[in-house]
PDB file of all heavy atoms in Angstrom:
ATOM      1  N   ARG A   1       9.889   1.774  26.016  1.00  0.00           N
ATOM      2  CA  ARG A   1      10.784   0.729  26.560  1.00  0.00           C
ATOM      3  C   ARG A   1      10.922  -0.446  25.671  1.00  0.00           C
ATOM      4  O   ARG A   1      11.972  -0.963  25.481  1.00  0.00           O
ATOM      5  CB  ARG A   1      10.246   0.446  27.908  1.00  0.00           C
ATOM      6  CG  ARG A   1      11.072  -0.613  28.725  1.00  0.00           C
ATOM      7  CD  ARG A   1      12.329   0.017  29.253  1.00  0.00           C
ATOM      8  NE  ARG A   1      13.528  -0.222  28.466  1.00  0.00           N
ATOM      9  CZ  ARG A   1      14.670   0.296  28.553  1.00  0.00           C
ATOM     10  NH1 ARG A   1      14.810   1.209  29.580  1.00  0.00           N
ATOM     11  NH2 ARG A   1      15.645  -0.003  27.840  1.00  0.00           N
ATOM     12  N   ALA A   2       9.755  -0.884  25.117  1.00  0.00           N
ATOM     13  CA  ALA A   2       9.793  -2.031  24.222  1.00  0.00           C
ATOM     14  C   ALA A   2      10.592  -1.683  22.934  1.00  0.00           C
ATOM     15  O   ALA A   2      11.355  -2.543  22.471  1.00  0.00           O
ATOM     16  CB  ALA A   2       8.376  -2.444  23.879  1.00  0.00           C
ATOM     17  N   ALA A   3      10.408  -0.468  22.446  1.00  0.00           N
ATOM     18  CA  ALA A   3      11.164  -0.122  21.222  1.00  0.00           C
ATOM     19  C   ALA A   3      12.732   0.010  21.551  1.00  0.00           C
ATOM     20  O   ALA A   3      13.441  -0.485  20.704  1.00  0.00           O
ATOM     21  CB  ALA A   3      10.688   1.249  20.733  1.00  0.00           C
ATOM     22  N   ASP A   4      12.942   0.449  22.758  1.00  0.00           N
ATOM     23  CA  ASP A   4      14.381   0.513  23.142  1.00  0.00           C
ATOM     24  C   ASP A   4      15.036  -0.849  23.202  1.00  0.00           C
ATOM     25  O   ASP A   4      16.191  -1.109  22.818  1.00  0.00           O
ATOM     26  CB  ASP A   4      14.471   1.301  24.454  1.00  0.00           C
ATOM     27  CG  ASP A   4      15.960   1.682  24.801  1.00  0.00           C
ATOM     28  OD1 ASP A   4      16.734   1.855  23.804  1.00  0.00           O
ATOM     29  OD2 ASP A   4      16.246   1.721  25.996  1.00  0.00           O
ATOM     30  N   ASP A   5      14.173  -1.810  23.750  1.00  0.00           N
ATOM     31  CA  ASP A   5      14.641  -3.222  23.793  1.00  0.00           C
ATOM     32  C   ASP A   5      14.857  -3.815  22.460  1.00  0.00           C
ATOM     33  O   ASP A   5      15.775  -4.659  22.218  1.00  0.00           O
ATOM     34  CB  ASP A   5      13.579  -4.035  24.516  1.00  0.00           C
ATOM     35  CG  ASP A   5      13.523  -3.729  26.011  1.00  0.00           C
ATOM     36  OD1 ASP A   5      14.475  -3.146  26.576  1.00  0.00           O
ATOM     37  OD2 ASP A   5      12.596  -4.204  26.715  1.00  0.00           O
ATOM     38  N   VAL A   6      14.097  -3.399  21.470  1.00  0.00           N
ATOM     39  CA  VAL A   6      14.326  -3.859  20.086  1.00  0.00           C
ATOM     40  C   VAL A   6      15.714  -3.330  19.605  1.00  0.00           C
ATOM     41  O   VAL A   6      16.592  -4.157  19.086  1.00  0.00           O
ATOM     42  CB  VAL A   6      13.289  -3.397  19.121  1.00  0.00           C
ATOM     43  CG1 VAL A   6      13.684  -3.677  17.637  1.00  0.00           C
ATOM     44  CG2 VAL A   6      11.938  -4.096  19.475  1.00  0.00           C
ATOM     45  N   ALA A   7      15.979  -2.030  19.817  1.00  0.00           N
ATOM     46  CA  ALA A   7      17.248  -1.490  19.345  1.00  0.00           C
ATOM     47  C   ALA A   7      18.491  -2.067  20.129  1.00  0.00           C
ATOM     48  O   ALA A   7      19.496  -2.169  19.510  1.00  0.00           O
ATOM     49  CB  ALA A   7      17.240   0.039  19.579  1.00  0.00           C
ATOM     50  N   ASP A   8      18.227  -2.534  21.301  1.00  0.00           N
ATOM     51  CA  ASP A   8      19.341  -3.049  22.093  1.00  0.00           C
ATOM     52  C   ASP A   8      19.413  -4.583  22.075  1.00  0.00           C
ATOM     53  O   ASP A   8      20.299  -5.197  22.678  1.00  0.00           O
ATOM     54  CB  ASP A   8      19.160  -2.696  23.591  1.00  0.00           C
ATOM     55  CG  ASP A   8      19.327  -1.259  23.825  1.00  0.00           C
ATOM     56  OD1 ASP A   8      19.800  -0.532  22.887  1.00  0.00           O
ATOM     57  OD2 ASP A   8      19.083  -0.748  24.895  1.00  0.00           O
ATOM     58  N   SER A   9      18.555  -5.230  21.300  1.00  0.00           N
ATOM     59  CA  SER A   9      18.569  -6.694  21.315  1.00  0.00           C
ATOM     60  C   SER A   9      19.772  -7.277  20.636  1.00  0.00           C
ATOM     61  O   SER A   9      20.298  -6.825  19.589  1.00  0.00           O
ATOM     62  CB  SER A   9      17.290  -7.144  20.434  1.00  0.00           C
ATOM     63  OG  SER A   9      17.340  -8.545  20.193  1.00  0.00           O
ATOM     64  N   ASP A  10      20.353  -8.357  21.270  1.00  0.00           N
ATOM     65  CA  ASP A  10      21.496  -9.063  20.637  1.00  0.00           C
ATOM     66  C   ASP A  10      21.064 -10.165  19.826  1.00  0.00           C
ATOM     67  O   ASP A  10      21.924 -10.891  19.252  1.00  0.00           O
ATOM     68  CB  ASP A  10      22.461  -9.468  21.823  1.00  0.00           C
ATOM     69  CG  ASP A  10      21.690 -10.412  22.810  1.00  0.00           C
ATOM     70  OD1 ASP A  10      20.544 -10.798  22.620  1.00  0.00           O
ATOM     71  OD2 ASP A  10      22.357 -10.830  23.822  1.00  0.00           O
ATOM     72  N   ALA A  11      19.827 -10.378  19.676  1.00  0.00           N
ATOM     73  CA  ALA A  11      19.315 -11.480  18.843  1.00  0.00           C
ATOM     74  C   ALA A  11      18.810 -11.051  17.407  1.00  0.00           C
ATOM     75  O   ALA A  11      18.343 -11.848  16.659  1.00  0.00           O
ATOM     76  CB  ALA A  11      18.162 -12.211  19.580  1.00  0.00           C
ATOM     77  N   LEU A  12      18.869  -9.739  17.267  1.00  0.00           N
ATOM     78  CA  LEU A  12      18.376  -9.211  15.963  1.00  0.00           C
ATOM     79  C   LEU A  12      19.552  -8.588  15.175  1.00  0.00           C
ATOM     80  O   LEU A  12      20.356  -7.930  15.836  1.00  0.00           O
ATOM     81  CB  LEU A  12      17.282  -8.176  16.181  1.00  0.00           C
ATOM     82  CG  LEU A  12      15.920  -8.677  16.867  1.00  0.00           C
ATOM     83  CD1 LEU A  12      15.065  -7.455  17.132  1.00  0.00           C
ATOM     84  CD2 LEU A  12      15.223  -9.640  15.880  1.00  0.00           C
ATOM     85  N   SER A  13      19.537  -8.710  13.883  1.00  0.00           N
ATOM     86  CA  SER A  13      20.455  -7.988  13.081  1.00  0.00           C
ATOM     87  C   SER A  13      20.030  -6.468  12.966  1.00  0.00           C
ATOM     88  O   SER A  13      18.826  -6.139  13.285  1.00  0.00           O
ATOM     89  CB  SER A  13      20.529  -8.615  11.673  1.00  0.00           C
ATOM     90  OG  SER A  13      19.212  -8.390  10.987  1.00  0.00           O
ATOM     91  N   PRO A  14      20.942  -5.646  12.514  1.00  0.00           N
ATOM     92  CA  PRO A  14      20.553  -4.254  12.355  1.00  0.00           C
ATOM     93  C   PRO A  14      19.323  -4.116  11.334  1.00  0.00           C
ATOM     94  O   PRO A  14      18.412  -3.298  11.598  1.00  0.00           O
ATOM     95  CB  PRO A  14      21.786  -3.538  11.779  1.00  0.00           C
ATOM     96  CG  PRO A  14      22.895  -4.421  12.305  1.00  0.00           C
ATOM     97  CD  PRO A  14      22.341  -5.788  12.278  1.00  0.00           C
ATOM     98  N   GLU A  15      19.347  -4.946  10.294  1.00  0.00           N
ATOM     99  CA  GLU A  15      18.271  -4.865   9.356  1.00  0.00           C
ATOM    100  C   GLU A  15      16.921  -5.322   9.972  1.00  0.00           C
ATOM    101  O   GLU A  15      15.771  -4.696   9.801  1.00  0.00           O
ATOM    102  CB  GLU A  15      18.494  -5.761   8.159  1.00  0.00           C
ATOM    103  CG  GLU A  15      19.744  -5.283   7.287  1.00  0.00           C
ATOM    104  CD  GLU A  15      21.053  -5.578   7.997  1.00  0.00           C
ATOM    105  OE1 GLU A  15      21.062  -6.452   8.839  1.00  0.00           O
ATOM    106  OE2 GLU A  15      21.974  -4.992   7.506  1.00  0.00           O
ATOM    107  N   ALA A  16      16.974  -6.393  10.798  1.00  0.00           N
ATOM    108  CA  ALA A  16      15.783  -6.802  11.512  1.00  0.00           C
ATOM    109  C   ALA A  16      15.308  -5.747  12.534  1.00  0.00           C
ATOM    110  O   ALA A  16      14.084  -5.515  12.706  1.00  0.00           O
ATOM    111  CB  ALA A  16      16.042  -8.142  12.161  1.00  0.00           C
ATOM    112  N   LYS A  17      16.206  -5.109  13.186  1.00  0.00           N
ATOM    113  CA  LYS A  17      15.866  -4.029  14.137  1.00  0.00           C
ATOM    114  C   LYS A  17      15.061  -2.938  13.435  1.00  0.00           C
ATOM    115  O   LYS A  17      14.087  -2.463  13.964  1.00  0.00           O
ATOM    116  CB  LYS A  17      17.045  -3.482  14.921  1.00  0.00           C
ATOM    117  CG  LYS A  17      17.684  -4.505  15.852  1.00  0.00           C
ATOM    118  CD  LYS A  17      18.993  -3.874  16.398  1.00  0.00           C
ATOM    119  CE  LYS A  17      19.747  -4.855  17.393  1.00  0.00           C
ATOM    120  NZ  LYS A  17      20.857  -4.280  17.958  1.00  0.00           N
ATOM    121  N   LEU A  18      15.654  -2.503  12.308  1.00  0.00           N
ATOM    122  CA  LEU A  18      14.991  -1.400  11.546  1.00  0.00           C
ATOM    123  C   LEU A  18      13.639  -1.838  11.129  1.00  0.00           C
ATOM    124  O   LEU A  18      12.688  -0.995  11.166  1.00  0.00           O
ATOM    125  CB  LEU A  18      15.937  -1.036  10.418  1.00  0.00           C
ATOM    126  CG  LEU A  18      17.260  -0.444  10.748  1.00  0.00           C
ATOM    127  CD1 LEU A  18      18.144  -0.132   9.468  1.00  0.00           C
ATOM    128  CD2 LEU A  18      17.133   0.903  11.490  1.00  0.00           C
ATOM    129  N   ALA A  19      13.490  -3.028  10.686  1.00  0.00           N
ATOM    130  CA  ALA A  19      12.155  -3.477  10.155  1.00  0.00           C
ATOM    131  C   ALA A  19      11.191  -3.477  11.342  1.00  0.00           C
ATOM    132  O   ALA A  19      10.064  -3.116  11.200  1.00  0.00           O
ATOM    133  CB  ALA A  19      12.275  -4.868   9.539  1.00  0.00           C
ATOM    134  N   ARG A  20      11.693  -4.023  12.389  1.00  0.00           N
ATOM    135  CA  ARG A  20      10.796  -4.132  13.598  1.00  0.00           C
ATOM    136  C   ARG A  20      10.356  -2.724  14.177  1.00  0.00           C
ATOM    137  O   ARG A  20       9.241  -2.482  14.448  1.00  0.00           O
ATOM    138  CB  ARG A  20      11.489  -4.842  14.713  1.00  0.00           C
ATOM    139  CG  ARG A  20      10.678  -5.199  15.976  1.00  0.00           C
ATOM    140  CD  ARG A  20       9.610  -6.328  15.637  1.00  0.00           C
ATOM    141  NE  ARG A  20      10.311  -7.543  15.258  1.00  0.00           N
ATOM    142  CZ  ARG A  20      10.764  -8.489  16.060  1.00  0.00           C
ATOM    143  NH1 ARG A  20      10.673  -8.286  17.371  1.00  0.00           N
ATOM    144  NH2 ARG A  20      11.273  -9.612  15.518  1.00  0.00           N
ATOM    145  N   LEU A  21      11.296  -1.766  14.171  1.00  0.00           N
ATOM    146  CA  LEU A  21      10.888  -0.427  14.542  1.00  0.00           C
ATOM    147  C   LEU A  21      10.016   0.257  13.632  1.00  0.00           C
ATOM    148  O   LEU A  21       9.134   0.975  14.009  1.00  0.00           O
ATOM    149  CB  LEU A  21      12.279   0.417  14.814  1.00  0.00           C
ATOM    150  CG  LEU A  21      13.157  -0.090  15.961  1.00  0.00           C
ATOM    151  CD1 LEU A  21      14.572   0.616  15.866  1.00  0.00           C
ATOM    152  CD2 LEU A  21      12.496   0.205  17.286  1.00  0.00           C
ATOM    153  N   ALA A  22      10.154  -0.015  12.313  1.00  0.00           N
ATOM    154  CA  ALA A  22       9.298   0.610  11.390  1.00  0.00           C
ATOM    155  C   ALA A  22       7.906   0.031  11.551  1.00  0.00           C
ATOM    156  O   ALA A  22       6.899   0.756  11.496  1.00  0.00           O
ATOM    157  CB  ALA A  22       9.809   0.290   9.957  1.00  0.00           C
ATOM    158  N   ALA A  23       7.798  -1.255  11.804  1.00  0.00           N
ATOM    159  CA  ALA A  23       6.458  -1.838  12.068  1.00  0.00           C
ATOM    160  C   ALA A  23       5.854  -1.348  13.346  1.00  0.00           C
ATOM    161  O   ALA A  23       4.575  -1.069  13.376  1.00  0.00           O
ATOM    162  CB  ALA A  23       6.607  -3.406  12.184  1.00  0.00           C
ATOM    163  N   MET A  24       6.599  -1.054  14.324  1.00  0.00           N
ATOM    164  CA  MET A  24       6.170  -0.432  15.560  1.00  0.00           C
ATOM    165  C   MET A  24       5.513   0.932  15.297  1.00  0.00           C
ATOM    166  O   MET A  24       4.450   1.344  15.804  1.00  0.00           O
ATOM    167  CB  MET A  24       7.179  -0.416  16.587  1.00  0.00           C
ATOM    168  CG  MET A  24       7.593  -1.760  17.189  1.00  0.00           C
ATOM    169  SD  MET A  24       8.726  -1.604  18.534  1.00  0.00           S
ATOM    170  CE  MET A  24       7.698  -1.077  19.881  1.00  0.00           C
ATOM    171  N   GLU A  25       6.185   1.689  14.452  1.00  0.00           N
ATOM    172  CA  GLU A  25       5.756   3.027  14.126  1.00  0.00           C
ATOM    173  C   GLU A  25       4.387   3.007  13.388  1.00  0.00           C
ATOM    174  O   GLU A  25       3.446   3.769  13.692  1.00  0.00           O
ATOM    175  CB  GLU A  25       6.754   3.877  13.329  1.00  0.00           C
ATOM    176  CG  GLU A  25       6.283   5.286  13.024  1.00  0.00           C
ATOM    177  CD  GLU A  25       7.402   6.220  12.506  1.00  0.00           C
ATOM    178  OE1 GLU A  25       8.498   5.799  12.567  1.00  0.00           O
ATOM    179  OE2 GLU A  25       7.049   7.275  12.070  1.00  0.00           O
ATOM    180  N   ARG A  26       4.307   2.005  12.424  1.00  0.00           N
ATOM    181  CA  ARG A  26       3.067   1.949  11.602  1.00  0.00           C
ATOM    182  C   ARG A  26       1.922   1.504  12.631  1.00  0.00           C
ATOM    183  O   ARG A  26       0.838   2.030  12.500  1.00  0.00           O
ATOM    184  CB  ARG A  26       3.216   0.871  10.633  1.00  0.00           C
ATOM    185  CG  ARG A  26       4.150   1.297   9.422  1.00  0.00           C
ATOM    186  CD  ARG A  26       4.029   0.373   8.232  1.00  0.00           C
ATOM    187  NE  ARG A  26       4.459  -0.969   8.559  1.00  0.00           N
ATOM    188  CZ  ARG A  26       5.663  -1.460   8.412  1.00  0.00           C
ATOM    189  NH1 ARG A  26       6.682  -0.653   7.959  1.00  0.00           N
ATOM    190  NH2 ARG A  26       5.982  -2.663   8.731  1.00  0.00           N
ATOM    191  N   ALA A  27       2.201   0.597  13.496  1.00  0.00           N
ATOM    192  CA  ALA A  27       1.181   0.177  14.388  1.00  0.00           C
ATOM    193  C   ALA A  27       0.754   1.302  15.344  1.00  0.00           C
ATOM    194  O   ALA A  27      -0.478   1.460  15.674  1.00  0.00           O
ATOM    195  CB  ALA A  27       1.663  -0.965  15.305  1.00  0.00           C
ATOM    196  N   LEU A  28       1.618   2.120  15.746  1.00  0.00           N
ATOM    197  CA  LEU A  28       1.371   3.257  16.661  1.00  0.00           C
ATOM    198  C   LEU A  28       0.539   4.238  15.880  1.00  0.00           C
ATOM    199  O   LEU A  28      -0.555   4.781  16.489  1.00  0.00           O
ATOM    200  CB  LEU A  28       2.673   3.861  17.114  1.00  0.00           C
ATOM    201  CG  LEU A  28       2.517   5.206  17.963  1.00  0.00           C
ATOM    202  CD1 LEU A  28       1.651   4.914  19.281  1.00  0.00           C
ATOM    203  CD2 LEU A  28       3.847   5.778  18.288  1.00  0.00           C
ATOM    204  N   ARG A  29       0.895   4.658  14.716  1.00  0.00           N
ATOM    205  CA  ARG A  29       0.084   5.588  13.884  1.00  0.00           C
ATOM    206  C   ARG A  29      -1.257   5.131  13.633  1.00  0.00           C
ATOM    207  O   ARG A  29      -2.239   5.933  13.664  1.00  0.00           O
ATOM    208  CB  ARG A  29       0.900   6.019  12.696  1.00  0.00           C
ATOM    209  CG  ARG A  29       2.195   6.812  12.993  1.00  0.00           C
ATOM    210  CD  ARG A  29       2.772   7.419  11.850  1.00  0.00           C
ATOM    211  NE  ARG A  29       4.064   8.119  12.062  1.00  0.00           N
ATOM    212  CZ  ARG A  29       4.149   9.345  12.475  1.00  0.00           C
ATOM    213  NH1 ARG A  29       3.009  10.006  12.798  1.00  0.00           N
ATOM    214  NH2 ARG A  29       5.304   9.990  12.755  1.00  0.00           N
ATOM    215  N   ALA A  30      -1.381   3.846  13.409  1.00  0.00           N
ATOM    216  CA  ALA A  30      -2.697   3.299  13.034  1.00  0.00           C
ATOM    217  C   ALA A  30      -3.517   2.905  14.166  1.00  0.00           C
ATOM    218  O   ALA A  30      -4.749   2.604  14.060  1.00  0.00           O
ATOM    219  CB  ALA A  30      -2.485   2.021  12.125  1.00  0.00           C
ATOM    220  N   GLY A  31      -2.880   2.740  15.388  1.00  0.00           N
ATOM    221  CA  GLY A  31      -3.649   2.274  16.536  1.00  0.00           C
ATOM    222  C   GLY A  31      -4.080   0.862  16.364  1.00  0.00           C
ATOM    223  O   GLY A  31      -5.171   0.466  16.812  1.00  0.00           O
ATOM    224  N   ASP A  32      -3.147   0.065  15.823  1.00  0.00           N
ATOM    225  CA  ASP A  32      -3.408  -1.319  15.607  1.00  0.00           C
ATOM    226  C   ASP A  32      -3.781  -2.034  16.838  1.00  0.00           C
ATOM    227  O   ASP A  32      -2.939  -2.194  17.759  1.00  0.00           O
ATOM    228  CB  ASP A  32      -2.147  -1.876  14.995  1.00  0.00           C
ATOM    229  CG  ASP A  32      -2.381  -3.419  14.386  1.00  0.00           C
ATOM    230  OD1 ASP A  32      -3.432  -4.006  14.747  1.00  0.00           O
ATOM    231  OD2 ASP A  32      -1.566  -3.824  13.600  1.00  0.00           O
ATOM    232  N   ALA A  33      -5.050  -2.647  16.911  1.00  0.00           N
ATOM    233  CA  ALA A  33      -5.564  -3.280  18.105  1.00  0.00           C
ATOM    234  C   ALA A  33      -4.769  -4.652  18.349  1.00  0.00           C
ATOM    235  O   ALA A  33      -4.763  -5.146  19.499  1.00  0.00           O
ATOM    236  CB  ALA A  33      -6.993  -3.553  17.926  1.00  0.00           C
ATOM    237  N   ALA A  34      -4.093  -5.181  17.277  1.00  0.00           N
ATOM    238  CA  ALA A  34      -3.319  -6.338  17.426  1.00  0.00           C
ATOM    239  C   ALA A  34      -1.969  -6.131  18.221  1.00  0.00           C
ATOM    240  O   ALA A  34      -1.325  -7.115  18.552  1.00  0.00           O
ATOM    241  CB  ALA A  34      -3.077  -7.072  16.096  1.00  0.00           C
ATOM    242  N   GLU A  35      -1.707  -4.834  18.376  1.00  0.00           N
ATOM    243  CA  GLU A  35      -0.420  -4.522  18.939  1.00  0.00           C
ATOM    244  C   GLU A  35      -0.752  -3.716  20.313  1.00  0.00           C
ATOM    245  O   GLU A  35      -0.929  -2.532  20.305  1.00  0.00           O
ATOM    246  CB  GLU A  35       0.455  -3.712  18.127  1.00  0.00           C
ATOM    247  CG  GLU A  35       0.813  -4.343  16.812  1.00  0.00           C
ATOM    248  CD  GLU A  35       1.504  -5.606  16.909  1.00  0.00           C
ATOM    249  OE1 GLU A  35       2.188  -5.823  17.920  1.00  0.00           O
ATOM    250  OE2 GLU A  35       1.551  -6.474  16.006  1.00  0.00           O
TER     251      GLU A  35
END
């Protein structure tokens, strides 16, 4: 749901959305405790 909100955000540019989603994937795969 949070990732979908990133993709649907009207405050982020397409480039910022892609960067944010990529960071979310890295955090998920790593199990980043900060996220």
